[in-house]
PDB file of N, CA and C in Angstrom:
ATOM      1  N   UNK A   1      57.021 121.954 133.394  1.00  0.00           N
ATOM      2  CA  UNK A   1      57.803 122.225 131.788  1.00  0.00           C
ATOM      3  C   UNK A   1      57.126 121.035 130.948  1.00  0.00           C
ATOM      4  N   UNK A   2      56.891 121.341 129.831  1.00  0.00           N
ATOM      5  CA  UNK A   2      56.405 119.909 128.564  1.00  0.00           C
ATOM      6  C   UNK A   2      57.481 119.359 127.923  1.00  0.00           C
ATOM      7  N   UNK A   3      57.325 118.514 126.925  1.00  0.00           N
ATOM      8  CA  UNK A   3      57.795 118.160 125.920  1.00  0.00           C
ATOM      9  C   UNK A   3      58.963 118.830 125.245  1.00  0.00           C
ATOM     10  N   UNK A   4      60.474 118.585 125.349  1.00  0.00           N
ATOM     11  CA  UNK A   4      61.091 119.714 124.522  1.00  0.00           C
ATOM     12  C   UNK A   4      62.153 118.479 123.460  1.00  0.00           C
ATOM     13  N   UNK A   5      62.037 119.559 122.701  1.00  0.00           N
ATOM     14  CA  UNK A   5      62.501 119.036 121.388  1.00  0.00           C
ATOM     15  C   UNK A   5      64.120 118.988 121.698  1.00  0.00           C
ATOM     16  N   UNK A   6      64.985 118.098 120.687  1.00  0.00           N
ATOM     17  CA  UNK A   6      66.053 117.496 121.254  1.00  0.00           C
ATOM     18  C   UNK A   6      67.235 118.900 121.329  1.00  0.00           C
ATOM     19  N   UNK A   7      67.079 120.008 120.217  1.00  0.00           N
ATOM     20  CA  UNK A   7      68.025 120.966 120.323  1.00  0.00           C
ATOM     21  C   UNK A   7      67.364 121.898 121.667  1.00  0.00           C
ATOM     22  N   UNK A   8      66.561 122.005 122.206  1.00  0.00           N
ATOM     23  CA  UNK A   8      66.184 122.370 123.274  1.00  0.00           C
ATOM     24  C   UNK A   8      67.139 122.144 124.794  1.00  0.00           C
ATOM     25  N   UNK A   9      66.831 120.531 124.344  1.00  0.00           N
ATOM     26  CA  UNK A   9      67.180 119.669 125.497  1.00  0.00           C
ATOM     27  C   UNK A   9      68.722 120.004 125.702  1.00  0.00           C
ATOM     28  N   UNK A  10      69.561 119.683 124.241  1.00  0.00           N
ATOM     29  CA  UNK A  10      70.783 120.286 124.275  1.00  0.00           C
ATOM     30  C   UNK A  10      71.123 121.719 125.062  1.00  0.00           C
ATOM     31  N   UNK A  11      70.779 122.239 124.900  1.00  0.00           N
ATOM     32  CA  UNK A  11      70.691 124.051 125.367  1.00  0.00           C
ATOM     33  C   UNK A  11      70.837 123.729 126.848  1.00  0.00           C
ATOM     34  N   UNK A  12      69.473 122.991 127.585  1.00  0.00           N
ATOM     35  CA  UNK A  12      68.742 122.409 128.854  1.00  0.00           C
ATOM     36  C   UNK A  12      70.149 121.679 129.839  1.00  0.00           C
ATOM     37  N   UNK A  13      70.830 121.022 128.836  1.00  0.00           N
ATOM     38  CA  UNK A  13      71.379 120.078 130.061  1.00  0.00           C
ATOM     39  C   UNK A  13      73.396 120.010 129.425  1.00  0.00           C
ATOM     40  N   UNK A  14      73.406 121.045 128.439  1.00  0.00           N
ATOM     41  CA  UNK A  14      74.725 121.421 128.092  1.00  0.00           C
ATOM     42  C   UNK A  14      75.294 120.099 127.446  1.00  0.00           C
ATOM     43  N   UNK A  15      74.563 119.151 126.927  1.00  0.00           N
ATOM     44  CA  UNK A  15      74.977 118.162 125.925  1.00  0.00           C
ATOM     45  C   UNK A  15      74.505 118.448 124.446  1.00  0.00           C
ATOM     46  N   UNK A  16      75.854 117.805 123.708  1.00  0.00           N
ATOM     47  CA  UNK A  16      75.465 118.249 122.572  1.00  0.00           C
ATOM     48  C   UNK A  16      74.471 117.396 121.677  1.00  0.00           C
ATOM     49  N   UNK A  17      73.718 117.799 120.346  1.00  0.00           N
ATOM     50  CA  UNK A  17      72.440 116.851 120.170  1.00  0.00           C
ATOM     51  C   UNK A  17      73.299 115.847 119.478  1.00  0.00           C
ATOM     52  N   UNK A  18      74.460 115.569 119.248  1.00  0.00           N
ATOM     53  CA  UNK A  18      74.909 114.426 118.799  1.00  0.00           C
ATOM     54  C   UNK A  18      75.206 113.137 119.864  1.00  0.00           C
ATOM     55  N   UNK A  19      75.602 113.357 121.172  1.00  0.00           N
ATOM     56  CA  UNK A  19      75.925 113.145 122.410  1.00  0.00           C
ATOM     57  C   UNK A  19      74.446 112.580 122.985  1.00  0.00           C
ATOM     58  N   UNK A  20      73.111 113.140 123.026  1.00  0.00           N
ATOM     59  CA  UNK A  20      71.977 113.056 122.912  1.00  0.00           C
ATOM     60  C   UNK A  20      71.284 111.714 122.272  1.00  0.00           C
ATOM     61  N   UNK A  21      71.785 112.054 121.302  1.00  0.00           N
ATOM     62  CA  UNK A  21      71.112 110.834 120.422  1.00  0.00           C
ATOM     63  C   UNK A  21      71.771 109.368 120.389  1.00  0.00           C
ATOM     64  N   UNK A  22      73.249 109.211 120.506  1.00  0.00           N
ATOM     65  CA  UNK A  22      74.179 109.050 120.780  1.00  0.00           C
ATOM     66  C   UNK A  22      73.543 108.335 122.014  1.00  0.00           C
ATOM     67  N   UNK A  23      73.433 108.520 123.342  1.00  0.00           N
ATOM     68  CA  UNK A  23      73.157 107.981 124.587  1.00  0.00           C
ATOM     69  C   UNK A  23      71.850 107.049 124.449  1.00  0.00           C
ATOM     70  N   UNK A  24      70.622 107.556 123.124  1.00  0.00           N
ATOM     71  CA  UNK A  24      69.589 106.724 123.094  1.00  0.00           C
ATOM     72  C   UNK A  24      70.043 105.593 122.323  1.00  0.00           C
ATOM     73  N   UNK A  25      70.762 105.559 121.313  1.00  0.00           N
ATOM     74  CA  UNK A  25      71.185 104.491 120.690  1.00  0.00           C
ATOM     75  C   UNK A  25      71.919 103.173 121.273  1.00  0.00           C
ATOM     76  N   UNK A  26      72.601 103.656 122.319  1.00  0.00           N
ATOM     77  CA  UNK A  26      73.762 102.950 123.480  1.00  0.00           C
ATOM     78  C   UNK A  26      72.466 102.745 124.960  1.00  0.00           C
ATOM     79  N   UNK A  27      71.200 102.827 124.670  1.00  0.00           N
ATOM     80  CA  UNK A  27      70.184 102.143 125.542  1.00  0.00           C
ATOM     81  C   UNK A  27      70.137 102.890 126.581  1.00  0.00           C
ATOM     82  N   UNK A  28      70.947 103.970 126.869  1.00  0.00           N
ATOM     83  CA  UNK A  28      71.104 104.517 127.956  1.00  0.00           C
ATOM     84  C   UNK A  28      69.775 105.434 128.941  1.00  0.00           C
ATOM     85  N   UNK A  29      69.378 105.864 127.583  1.00  0.00           N
ATOM     86  CA  UNK A  29      67.906 106.879 127.506  1.00  0.00           C
ATOM     87  C   UNK A  29      67.067 105.884 126.700  1.00  0.00           C
ATOM     88  N   UNK A  30      65.807 106.672 127.401  1.00  0.00           N
ATOM     89  CA  UNK A  30      64.365 105.749 126.976  1.00  0.00           C
ATOM     90  C   UNK A  30      64.355 106.327 125.573  1.00  0.00           C
ATOM     91  N   UNK A  31      63.673 105.669 124.679  1.00  0.00           N
ATOM     92  CA  UNK A  31      63.373 106.541 123.639  1.00  0.00           C
ATOM     93  C   UNK A  31      62.125 107.180 123.713  1.00  0.00           C
ATOM     94  N   UNK A  32      62.480 108.567 123.628  1.00  0.00           N
ATOM     95  CA  UNK A  32      61.732 109.517 123.605  1.00  0.00           C
ATOM     96  C   UNK A  32      60.421 109.582 122.379  1.00  0.00           C
ATOM     97  N   UNK A  33      59.195 110.005 123.065  1.00  0.00           N
ATOM     98  CA  UNK A  33      58.158 110.143 122.084  1.00  0.00           C
ATOM     99  C   UNK A  33      58.647 111.008 120.902  1.00  0.00           C
ATOM    100  N   UNK A  34      57.573 111.015 119.909  1.00  0.00           N
ATOM    101  CA  UNK A  34      58.300 111.961 118.735  1.00  0.00           C
ATOM    102  C   UNK A  34      56.856 112.735 118.451  1.00  0.00           C
ATOM    103  N   UNK A  35      57.055 114.137 117.582  1.00  0.00           N
ATOM    104  CA  UNK A  35      55.800 114.894 117.647  1.00  0.00           C
ATOM    105  C   UNK A  35      55.371 113.791 116.297  1.00  0.00           C
ATOM    106  N   UNK A  36      54.092 114.562 115.391  1.00  0.00           N
ATOM    107  CA  UNK A  36      53.778 113.892 114.592  1.00  0.00           C
ATOM    108  C   UNK A  36      54.776 114.300 113.173  1.00  0.00           C
ATOM    109  N   UNK A  37      55.368 115.385 113.300  1.00  0.00           N
ATOM    110  CA  UNK A  37      56.459 115.665 112.363  1.00  0.00           C
ATOM    111  C   UNK A  37      57.803 114.773 112.442  1.00  0.00           C
ATOM    112  N   UNK A  38      57.882 113.777 113.667  1.00  0.00           N
ATOM    113  CA  UNK A  38      59.025 113.401 113.675  1.00  0.00           C
ATOM    114  C   UNK A  38      59.974 113.649 114.563  1.00  0.00           C
ATOM    115  N   UNK A  39      60.028 114.916 114.989  1.00  0.00           N
ATOM    116  CA  UNK A  39      60.834 115.450 116.115  1.00  0.00           C
ATOM    117  C   UNK A  39      60.855 114.566 117.524  1.00  0.00           C
ATOM    118  N   UNK A  40      61.820 114.281 118.060  1.00  0.00           N
ATOM    119  CA  UNK A  40      62.040 113.769 119.448  1.00  0.00           C
ATOM    120  C   UNK A  40      61.308 114.486 120.539  1.00  0.00           C
ATOM    121  N   UNK A  41      60.746 114.231 121.333  1.00  0.00           N
ATOM    122  CA  UNK A  41      60.243 115.121 122.204  1.00  0.00           C
ATOM    123  C   UNK A  41      60.228 114.440 123.564  1.00  0.00           C
ATOM    124  N   UNK A  42      60.964 115.150 124.455  1.00  0.00           N
ATOM    125  CA  UNK A  42      61.857 114.568 126.191  1.00  0.00           C
ATOM    126  C   UNK A  42      60.955 115.234 126.798  1.00  0.00           C
ATOM    127  N   UNK A  43      60.796 114.404 127.635  1.00  0.00           N
ATOM    128  CA  UNK A  43      59.852 114.298 129.162  1.00  0.00           C
ATOM    129  C   UNK A  43      60.991 114.937 130.149  1.00  0.00           C
ATOM    130  N   UNK A  44      60.322 115.732 131.364  1.00  0.00           N
ATOM    131  CA  UNK A  44      61.168 115.959 132.670  1.00  0.00           C
ATOM    132  C   UNK A  44      62.192 114.810 132.851  1.00  0.00           C
ATOM    133  N   UNK A  45      61.418 113.916 133.041  1.00  0.00           N
ATOM    134  CA  UNK A  45      62.549 112.753 133.827  1.00  0.00           C
ATOM    135  C   UNK A  45      63.445 112.127 132.549  1.00  0.00           C
ATOM    136  N   UNK A  46      63.182 112.406 131.273  1.00  0.00           N
ATOM    137  CA  UNK A  46      64.458 111.944 130.251  1.00  0.00           C
ATOM    138  C   UNK A  46      65.799 113.260 130.236  1.00  0.00           C
ATOM    139  N   UNK A  47      65.140 114.363 130.635  1.00  0.00           N
ATOM    140  CA  UNK A  47      66.008 115.293 130.856  1.00  0.00           C
ATOM    141  C   UNK A  47      66.915 115.777 132.078  1.00  0.00           C
ATOM    142  N   UNK A  48      66.419 114.542 132.833  1.00  0.00           N
ATOM    143  CA  UNK A  48      67.129 114.408 134.234  1.00  0.00           C
ATOM    144  C   UNK A  48      67.635 113.643 134.283  1.00  0.00           C
ATOM    145  N   UNK A  49      67.502 112.284 133.670  1.00  0.00           N
ATOM    146  CA  UNK A  49      68.487 111.259 133.211  1.00  0.00           C
ATOM    147  C   UNK A  49      69.752 111.564 132.274  1.00  0.00           C
ATOM    148  N   UNK A  50      69.590 112.571 131.392  1.00  0.00           N
ATOM    149  CA  UNK A  50      70.496 112.899 130.865  1.00  0.00           C
ATOM    150  C   UNK A  50      71.317 113.795 131.648  1.00  0.00           C
ATOM    151  N   UNK A  51      71.249 114.577 132.460  1.00  0.00           N
ATOM    152  CA  UNK A  51      71.747 115.286 133.644  1.00  0.00           C
ATOM    153  C   UNK A  51      72.473 114.068 134.890  1.00  0.00           C
ATOM    154  N   UNK A  52      71.795 113.363 134.991  1.00  0.00           N
ATOM    155  CA  UNK A  52      72.721 112.512 135.730  1.00  0.00           C
ATOM    156  C   UNK A  52      73.333 111.543 135.090  1.00  0.00           C
ATOM    157  N   UNK A  53      73.314 111.197 133.916  1.00  0.00           N
ATOM    158  CA  UNK A  53      74.781 110.827 132.878  1.00  0.00           C
ATOM    159  C   UNK A  53      75.679 111.692 132.801  1.00  0.00           C
ATOM    160  N   UNK A  54      75.757 112.844 132.126  1.00  0.00           N
ATOM    161  CA  UNK A  54      76.370 113.651 132.625  1.00  0.00           C
ATOM    162  C   UNK A  54      77.281 113.917 133.868  1.00  0.00           C
ATOM    163  N   UNK A  55      76.323 113.927 134.823  1.00  0.00           N
ATOM    164  CA  UNK A  55      77.395 114.131 136.078  1.00  0.00           C
ATOM    165  C   UNK A  55      78.013 112.939 136.517  1.00  0.00           C
ATOM    166  N   UNK A  56      77.639 111.664 136.304  1.00  0.00           N
ATOM    167  CA  UNK A  56      78.128 110.323 136.313  1.00  0.00           C
ATOM    168  C   UNK A  56      79.643 110.518 135.631  1.00  0.00           C
ATOM    169  N   UNK A  57      79.535 110.695 134.037  1.00  0.00           N
ATOM    170  CA  UNK A  57      80.334 110.531 133.482  1.00  0.00           C
ATOM    171  C   UNK A  57      81.796 111.628 133.624  1.00  0.00           C
ATOM    172  N   UNK A  58      81.092 113.113 134.244  1.00  0.00           N
ATOM    173  CA  UNK A  58      81.812 113.937 134.540  1.00  0.00           C
ATOM    174  C   UNK A  58      82.782 113.279 135.905  1.00  0.00           C
ATOM    175  N   UNK A  59      81.837 112.544 136.775  1.00  0.00           N
ATOM    176  CA  UNK A  59      82.565 111.897 137.991  1.00  0.00           C
ATOM    177  C   UNK A  59      83.521 110.945 137.867  1.00  0.00           C
ATOM    178  N   UNK A  60      83.652 110.576 136.671  1.00  0.00           N
ATOM    179  CA  UNK A  60      84.807 109.295 136.150  1.00  0.00           C
ATOM    180  C   UNK A  60      84.133 108.111 136.274  1.00  0.00           C
ATOM    181  N   UNK A  61      82.428 107.907 136.048  1.00  0.00           N
ATOM    182  CA  UNK A  61      81.958 106.750 135.713  1.00  0.00           C
ATOM    183  C   UNK A  61      82.016 106.416 133.999  1.00  0.00           C
ATOM    184  N   UNK A  62      82.338 104.952 133.951  1.00  0.00           N
ATOM    185  CA  UNK A  62      82.015 104.828 132.079  1.00  0.00           C
ATOM    186  C   UNK A  62      80.935 104.486 131.941  1.00  0.00           C
ATOM    187  N   UNK A  63      80.748 104.648 130.997  1.00  0.00           N
ATOM    188  CA  UNK A  63      79.208 104.509 130.265  1.00  0.00           C
ATOM    189  C   UNK A  63      78.415 102.945 130.478  1.00  0.00           C
ATOM    190  N   UNK A  64      79.368 101.668 130.965  1.00  0.00           N
ATOM    191  CA  UNK A  64      78.676 100.680 131.359  1.00  0.00           C
ATOM    192  C   UNK A  64      78.313 100.931 132.600  1.00  0.00           C
ATOM    193  N   UNK A  65      78.836 101.492 133.514  1.00  0.00           N
ATOM    194  CA  UNK A  65      79.070 102.004 134.952  1.00  0.00           C
ATOM    195  C   UNK A  65      77.410 102.535 135.502  1.00  0.00           C
ATOM    196  N   UNK A  66      77.558 103.727 134.163  1.00  0.00           N
ATOM    197  CA  UNK A  66      76.155 104.517 134.260  1.00  0.00           C
ATOM    198  C   UNK A  66      75.100 103.745 133.460  1.00  0.00           C
ATOM    199  N   UNK A  67      75.161 102.741 132.530  1.00  0.00           N
ATOM    200  CA  UNK A  67      73.920 101.995 132.631  1.00  0.00           C
ATOM    201  C   UNK A  67      73.645 100.982 133.837  1.00  0.00           C
ATOM    202  N   UNK A  68      74.457 100.527 134.301  1.00  0.00           N
ATOM    203  CA  UNK A  68      74.423 100.027 135.386  1.00  0.00           C
ATOM    204  C   UNK A  68      73.513 100.570 136.411  1.00  0.00           C
ATOM    205  N   UNK A  69      74.542 102.016 136.545  1.00  0.00           N
ATOM    206  CA  UNK A  69      73.157 102.473 137.759  1.00  0.00           C
ATOM    207  C   UNK A  69      71.591 103.091 137.302  1.00  0.00           C
ATOM    208  N   UNK A  70      72.022 103.229 136.193  1.00  0.00           N
ATOM    209  CA  UNK A  70      70.544 103.529 135.652  1.00  0.00           C
ATOM    210  C   UNK A  70      69.716 102.220 135.830  1.00  0.00           C
ATOM    211  N   UNK A  71      70.082 101.133 135.256  1.00  0.00           N
ATOM    212  CA  UNK A  71      69.142 100.158 135.940  1.00  0.00           C
ATOM    213  C   UNK A  71      68.957  99.852 137.265  1.00  0.00           C
ATOM    214  N   UNK A  72      69.614 100.085 138.138  1.00  0.00           N
ATOM    215  CA  UNK A  72      69.586 100.361 139.494  1.00  0.00           C
ATOM    216  C   UNK A  72      68.407 100.887 139.653  1.00  0.00           C
ATOM    217  N   UNK A  73      68.828 102.543 139.507  1.00  0.00           N
ATOM    218  CA  UNK A  73      67.792 103.494 139.756  1.00  0.00           C
ATOM    219  C   UNK A  73      65.984 103.193 139.358  1.00  0.00           C
ATOM    220  N   UNK A  74      66.328 102.480 137.777  1.00  0.00           N
ATOM    221  CA  UNK A  74      64.843 102.010 137.372  1.00  0.00           C
ATOM    222  C   UNK A  74      63.962 100.483 137.668  1.00  0.00           C
ATOM    223  N   UNK A  75      65.081 100.301 138.244  1.00  0.00           N
ATOM    224  CA  UNK A  75      64.368  98.531 138.874  1.00  0.00           C
ATOM    225  C   UNK A  75      65.213  97.669 139.419  1.00  0.00           C
ATOM    226  N   UNK A  76      65.696  98.373 140.669  1.00  0.00           N
ATOM    227  CA  UNK A  76      66.355  98.398 141.745  1.00  0.00           C
ATOM    228  C   UNK A  76      65.857  96.729 142.271  1.00  0.00           C
ATOM    229  N   UNK A  77      64.690  96.489 142.152  1.00  0.00           N
ATOM    230  CA  UNK A  77      63.796  95.230 143.164  1.00  0.00           C
ATOM    231  C   UNK A  77      64.502  94.133 142.027  1.00  0.00           C
ATOM    232  N   UNK A  78      64.581  94.761 140.739  1.00  0.00           N
ATOM    233  CA  UNK A  78      64.825  93.174 140.083  1.00  0.00           C
ATOM    234  C   UNK A  78      66.084  92.682 139.791  1.00  0.00           C
ATOM    235  N   UNK A  79      67.039  93.513 140.082  1.00  0.00           N
ATOM    236  CA  UNK A  79      68.480  93.106 140.236  1.00  0.00           C
ATOM    237  C   UNK A  79      68.920  92.411 141.164  1.00  0.00           C
ATOM    238  N   UNK A  80      69.590  91.150 140.426  1.00  0.00           N
ATOM    239  CA  UNK A  80      69.948  90.209 141.422  1.00  0.00           C
ATOM    240  C   UNK A  80      71.040  90.896 142.186  1.00  0.00           C
ATOM    241  N   UNK A  81      70.809  89.661 143.376  1.00  0.00           N
ATOM    242  CA  UNK A  81      71.907  90.314 144.905  1.00  0.00           C
ATOM    243  C   UNK A  81      73.597  90.480 144.470  1.00  0.00           C
ATOM    244  N   UNK A  82      73.329  89.507 143.448  1.00  0.00           N
ATOM    245  CA  UNK A  82      75.174  88.976 143.385  1.00  0.00           C
ATOM    246  C   UNK A  82      75.726  90.519 142.394  1.00  0.00           C
ATOM    247  N   UNK A  83      74.552  91.391 141.673  1.00  0.00           N
ATOM    248  CA  UNK A  83      75.033  92.290 140.465  1.00  0.00           C
ATOM    249  C   UNK A  83      75.276  93.284 141.733  1.00  0.00           C
ATOM    250  N   UNK A  84      74.016  93.601 142.765  1.00  0.00           N
ATOM    251  CA  UNK A  84      73.632  95.067 143.417  1.00  0.00           C
ATOM    252  C   UNK A  84      75.060  94.828 144.605  1.00  0.00           C
ATOM    253  N   UNK A  85      75.568  93.532 145.104  1.00  0.00           N
ATOM    254  CA  UNK A  85      76.741  93.408 145.829  1.00  0.00           C
ATOM    255  C   UNK A  85      78.190  94.254 145.168  1.00  0.00           C
ATOM    256  N   UNK A  86      77.943  93.690 143.836  1.00  0.00           N
ATOM    257  CA  UNK A  86      79.418  94.126 142.832  1.00  0.00           C
ATOM    258  C   UNK A  86      79.311  95.627 142.772  1.00  0.00           C
ATOM    259  N   UNK A  87      78.250  96.189 142.366  1.00  0.00           N
ATOM    260  CA  UNK A  87      78.083  97.355 141.975  1.00  0.00           C
ATOM    261  C   UNK A  87      77.813  98.394 143.573  1.00  0.00           C
ATOM    262  N   UNK A  88      77.553  97.643 144.364  1.00  0.00           N
ATOM    263  CA  UNK A  88      77.739  98.444 145.859  1.00  0.00           C
ATOM    264  C   UNK A  88      79.511  99.104 146.111  1.00  0.00           C
ATOM    265  N   UNK A  89      79.642  97.738 145.677  1.00  0.00           N
ATOM    266  CA  UNK A  89      81.669  97.832 146.100  1.00  0.00           C
ATOM    267  C   UNK A  89      81.995  98.502 145.186  1.00  0.00           C
ATOM    268  N   UNK A  90      81.724  99.102 143.914  1.00  0.00           N
ATOM    269  CA  UNK A  90      82.396  99.762 143.195  1.00  0.00           C
ATOM    270  C   UNK A  90      81.967 101.188 143.603  1.00  0.00           C
ATOM    271  N   UNK A  91      80.585 101.464 143.683  1.00  0.00           N
ATOM    272  CA  UNK A  91      80.150 102.573 144.280  1.00  0.00           C
ATOM    273  C   UNK A  91      81.218 102.984 145.182  1.00  0.00           C
ATOM    274  N   UNK A  92      81.507 102.083 146.314  1.00  0.00           N
ATOM    275  CA  UNK A  92      82.246 102.523 147.340  1.00  0.00           C
ATOM    276  C   UNK A  92      83.467 103.136 146.952  1.00  0.00           C
ATOM    277  N   UNK A  93      84.322 102.580 146.051  1.00  0.00           N
ATOM    278  CA  UNK A  93      85.747 103.241 145.444  1.00  0.00           C
ATOM    279  C   UNK A  93      85.032 104.610 144.828  1.00  0.00           C
ATOM    280  N   UNK A  94      84.489 104.250 144.103  1.00  0.00           N
ATOM    281  CA  UNK A  94      83.870 105.648 143.111  1.00  0.00           C
ATOM    282  C   UNK A  94      83.508 106.941 144.325  1.00  0.00           C
ATOM    283  N   UNK A  95      82.778 106.634 145.015  1.00  0.00           N
ATOM    284  CA  UNK A  95      82.540 107.547 146.499  1.00  0.00           C
ATOM    285  C   UNK A  95      83.518 108.167 146.948  1.00  0.00           C
ATOM    286  N   UNK A  96      84.351 107.438 147.180  1.00  0.00           N
ATOM    287  CA  UNK A  96      86.099 107.769 148.052  1.00  0.00           C
ATOM    288  C   UNK A  96      86.869 108.165 146.915  1.00  0.00           C
ATOM    289  N   UNK A  97      86.851 108.339 145.526  1.00  0.00           N
ATOM    290  CA  UNK A  97      87.256 109.164 144.526  1.00  0.00           C
ATOM    291  C   UNK A  97      86.954 110.720 144.398  1.00  0.00           C
ATOM    292  N   UNK A  98      85.762 110.422 144.664  1.00  0.00           N
ATOM    293  CA  UNK A  98      85.059 111.756 144.402  1.00  0.00           C
ATOM    294  C   UNK A  98      85.120 112.699 145.600  1.00  0.00           C
ATOM    295  N   UNK A  99      85.048 111.901 146.855  1.00  0.00           N
ATOM    296  CA  UNK A  99      85.532 112.562 148.341  1.00  0.00           C
ATOM    297  C   UNK A  99      86.908 113.234 148.009  1.00  0.00           C
ATOM    298  N   UNK A 100      87.675 112.455 147.503  1.00  0.00           N
ATOM    299  CA  UNK A 100      89.210 112.928 147.403  1.00  0.00           C
ATOM    300  C   UNK A 100      89.393 114.287 146.530  1.00  0.00           C
ATOM    301  N   UNK A 101      88.404 113.860 145.221  1.00  0.00           N
ATOM    302  CA  UNK A 101      88.379 115.441 144.447  1.00  0.00           C
ATOM    303  C   UNK A 101      87.875 116.340 145.174  1.00  0.00           C
ATOM    304  N   UNK A 102      86.904 116.336 145.639  1.00  0.00           N
ATOM    305  CA  UNK A 102      85.952 117.340 146.557  1.00  0.00           C
ATOM    306  C   UNK A 102      87.238 118.061 147.344  1.00  0.00           C
ATOM    307  N   UNK A 103      87.874 117.385 148.193  1.00  0.00           N
ATOM    308  CA  UNK A 103      88.779 117.852 149.249  1.00  0.00           C
ATOM    309  C   UNK A 103      89.716 118.393 148.441  1.00  0.00           C
ATOM    310  N   UNK A 104      90.399 117.914 147.424  1.00  0.00           N
ATOM    311  CA  UNK A 104      91.303 118.574 146.674  1.00  0.00           C
ATOM    312  C   UNK A 104      90.913 119.666 146.027  1.00  0.00           C
ATOM    313  N   UNK A 105      89.351 119.906 145.794  1.00  0.00           N
ATOM    314  CA  UNK A 105      89.047 121.359 144.859  1.00  0.00           C
ATOM    315  C   UNK A 105      88.545 122.117 146.046  1.00  0.00           C
ATOM    316  N   UNK A 106      88.478 121.795 147.090  1.00  0.00           N
ATOM    317  CA  UNK A 106      88.193 122.772 148.309  1.00  0.00           C
ATOM    318  C   UNK A 106      89.482 123.188 148.656  1.00  0.00           C
ATOM    319  N   UNK A 107      90.773 122.320 148.354  1.00  0.00           N
ATOM    320  CA  UNK A 107      92.071 123.211 149.213  1.00  0.00           C
ATOM    321  C   UNK A 107      92.482 124.344 147.934  1.00  0.00           C
ATOM    322  N   UNK A 108      91.967 123.914 146.647  1.00  0.00           N
ATOM    323  CA  UNK A 108      92.406 124.489 145.502  1.00  0.00           C
ATOM    324  C   UNK A 108      91.729 126.089 145.794  1.00  0.00           C
ATOM    325  N   UNK A 109      90.350 126.051 146.075  1.00  0.00           N
ATOM    326  CA  UNK A 109      89.429 127.135 146.258  1.00  0.00           C
ATOM    327  C   UNK A 109      90.207 127.876 147.249  1.00  0.00           C
ATOM    328  N   UNK A 110      90.453 127.480 148.788  1.00  0.00           N
ATOM    329  CA  UNK A 110      91.187 128.128 149.724  1.00  0.00           C
ATOM    330  C   UNK A 110      92.173 128.581 149.284  1.00  0.00           C
ATOM    331  N   UNK A 111      93.398 127.908 148.399  1.00  0.00           N
ATOM    332  CA  UNK A 111      94.408 128.662 147.932  1.00  0.00           C
ATOM    333  C   UNK A 111      94.052 129.907 146.956  1.00  0.00           C
ATOM    334  N   UNK A 112      93.300 129.479 145.993  1.00  0.00           N
ATOM    335  CA  UNK A 112      93.041 130.771 145.236  1.00  0.00           C
ATOM    336  C   UNK A 112      92.309 132.095 145.695  1.00  0.00           C
ATOM    337  N   UNK A 113      91.581 131.569 146.881  1.00  0.00           N
ATOM    338  CA  UNK A 113      90.857 133.079 147.384  1.00  0.00           C
ATOM    339  C   UNK A 113      92.072 134.007 148.187  1.00  0.00           C
ATOM    340  N   UNK A 114      93.232 132.791 148.943  1.00  0.00           N
ATOM    341  CA  UNK A 114      94.642 133.817 149.507  1.00  0.00           C
ATOM    342  C   UNK A 114      94.954 134.473 148.313  1.00  0.00           C
ATOM    343  N   UNK A 115      95.158 133.626 147.389  1.00  0.00           N
ATOM    344  CA  UNK A 115      95.534 134.288 146.021  1.00  0.00           C
ATOM    345  C   UNK A 115      95.109 135.551 145.856  1.00  0.00           C
ATOM    346  N   UNK A 116      93.735 135.477 145.298  1.00  0.00           N
ATOM    347  CA  UNK A 116      92.932 136.391 144.858  1.00  0.00           C
ATOM    348  C   UNK A 116      93.097 138.047 145.995  1.00  0.00           C
ATOM    349  N   UNK A 117      92.886 137.405 147.532  1.00  0.00           N
ATOM    350  CA  UNK A 117      93.251 138.588 148.463  1.00  0.00           C
ATOM    351  C   UNK A 117      94.472 138.772 148.455  1.00  0.00           C
ATOM    352  N   UNK A 118      95.501 138.409 148.246  1.00  0.00           N
ATOM    353  CA  UNK A 118      97.024 139.194 148.026  1.00  0.00           C
ATOM    354  C   UNK A 118      96.768 139.902 146.948  1.00  0.00           C
ATOM    355  N   UNK A 119      96.518 139.396 145.586  1.00  0.00           N
ATOM    356  CA  UNK A 119      96.577 140.619 144.332  1.00  0.00           C
ATOM    357  C   UNK A 119      96.231 141.418 144.700  1.00  0.00           C
ATOM    358  N   UNK A 120      94.865 141.549 145.980  1.00  0.00           N
ATOM    359  CA  UNK A 120      93.745 142.661 145.648  1.00  0.00           C
ATOM    360  C   UNK A 120      94.411 143.786 146.683  1.00  0.00           C
ATOM    361  N   UNK A 121      95.172 142.798 147.702  1.00  0.00           N
ATOM    362  CA  UNK A 121      95.773 143.769 148.637  1.00  0.00           C
ATOM    363  C   UNK A 121      97.120 144.517 148.233  1.00  0.00           C
ATOM    364  N   UNK A 122      97.724 143.887 147.794  1.00  0.00           N
ATOM    365  CA  UNK A 122      99.226 144.305 146.575  1.00  0.00           C
ATOM    366  C   UNK A 122      98.696 145.312 145.847  1.00  0.00           C
ATOM    367  N   UNK A 123      97.558 145.229 144.940  1.00  0.00           N
ATOM    368  CA  UNK A 123      96.953 146.192 144.152  1.00  0.00           C
ATOM    369  C   UNK A 123      96.575 147.596 144.963  1.00  0.00           C
ATOM    370  N   UNK A 124      96.158 147.756 145.585  1.00  0.00           N
ATOM    371  CA  UNK A 124      95.707 148.788 146.444  1.00  0.00           C
ATOM    372  C   UNK A 124      97.280 149.198 146.992  1.00  0.00           C
ATOM    373  N   UNK A 125      98.028 148.389 147.200  1.00  0.00           N
ATOM    374  CA  UNK A 125      99.500 149.548 147.640  1.00  0.00           C
ATOM    375  C   UNK A 125     100.130 149.997 146.544  1.00  0.00           C
ATOM    376  N   UNK A 126     100.175 149.392 145.427  1.00  0.00           N
ATOM    377  CA  UNK A 126     100.403 150.146 144.427  1.00  0.00           C
ATOM    378  C   UNK A 126     100.124 151.360 144.231  1.00  0.00           C
ATOM    379  N   UNK A 127      98.587 151.520 144.152  1.00  0.00           N
ATOM    380  CA  UNK A 127      98.140 152.499 143.739  1.00  0.00           C
ATOM    381  C   UNK A 127      98.111 154.152 144.640  1.00  0.00           C
ATOM    382  N   UNK A 128      98.837 153.309 146.044  1.00  0.00           N
ATOM    383  CA  UNK A 128      99.231 154.277 146.475  1.00  0.00           C
ATOM    384  C   UNK A 128     100.055 154.865 146.678  1.00  0.00           C
ATOM    385  N   UNK A 129     101.237 154.299 146.154  1.00  0.00           N
ATOM    386  CA  UNK A 129     102.627 155.061 146.264  1.00  0.00           C
ATOM    387  C   UNK A 129     102.826 155.851 145.311  1.00  0.00           C
TER     388      UNK A 129
END
């Protein structure tokens, strides 16, 4: 995959163009290259960063927390140990919440499968009468 324009990136990531620009102005996204015509040109790494930001936000991370995570991902050796320790503690809490959500969603999935199975079975019974 080569460089993509912002509209293509929006379609690829499911984010709006305004959201991508917002992330750029907030420093969450590295400033993309520009075409001779001035269009933003995004590399695959930037698209992965956008996907990471979206997923982290959907998981409940604030933009400040996402910024810290990106800092760790990009420059982990240069982050002070006390900052790393504080983030590790907050990440443990977030991971526990995510595991709870996953467990709840799996339970909901099981219940919905039972309901669907019951609906299908009852639908067959009504057609045979």
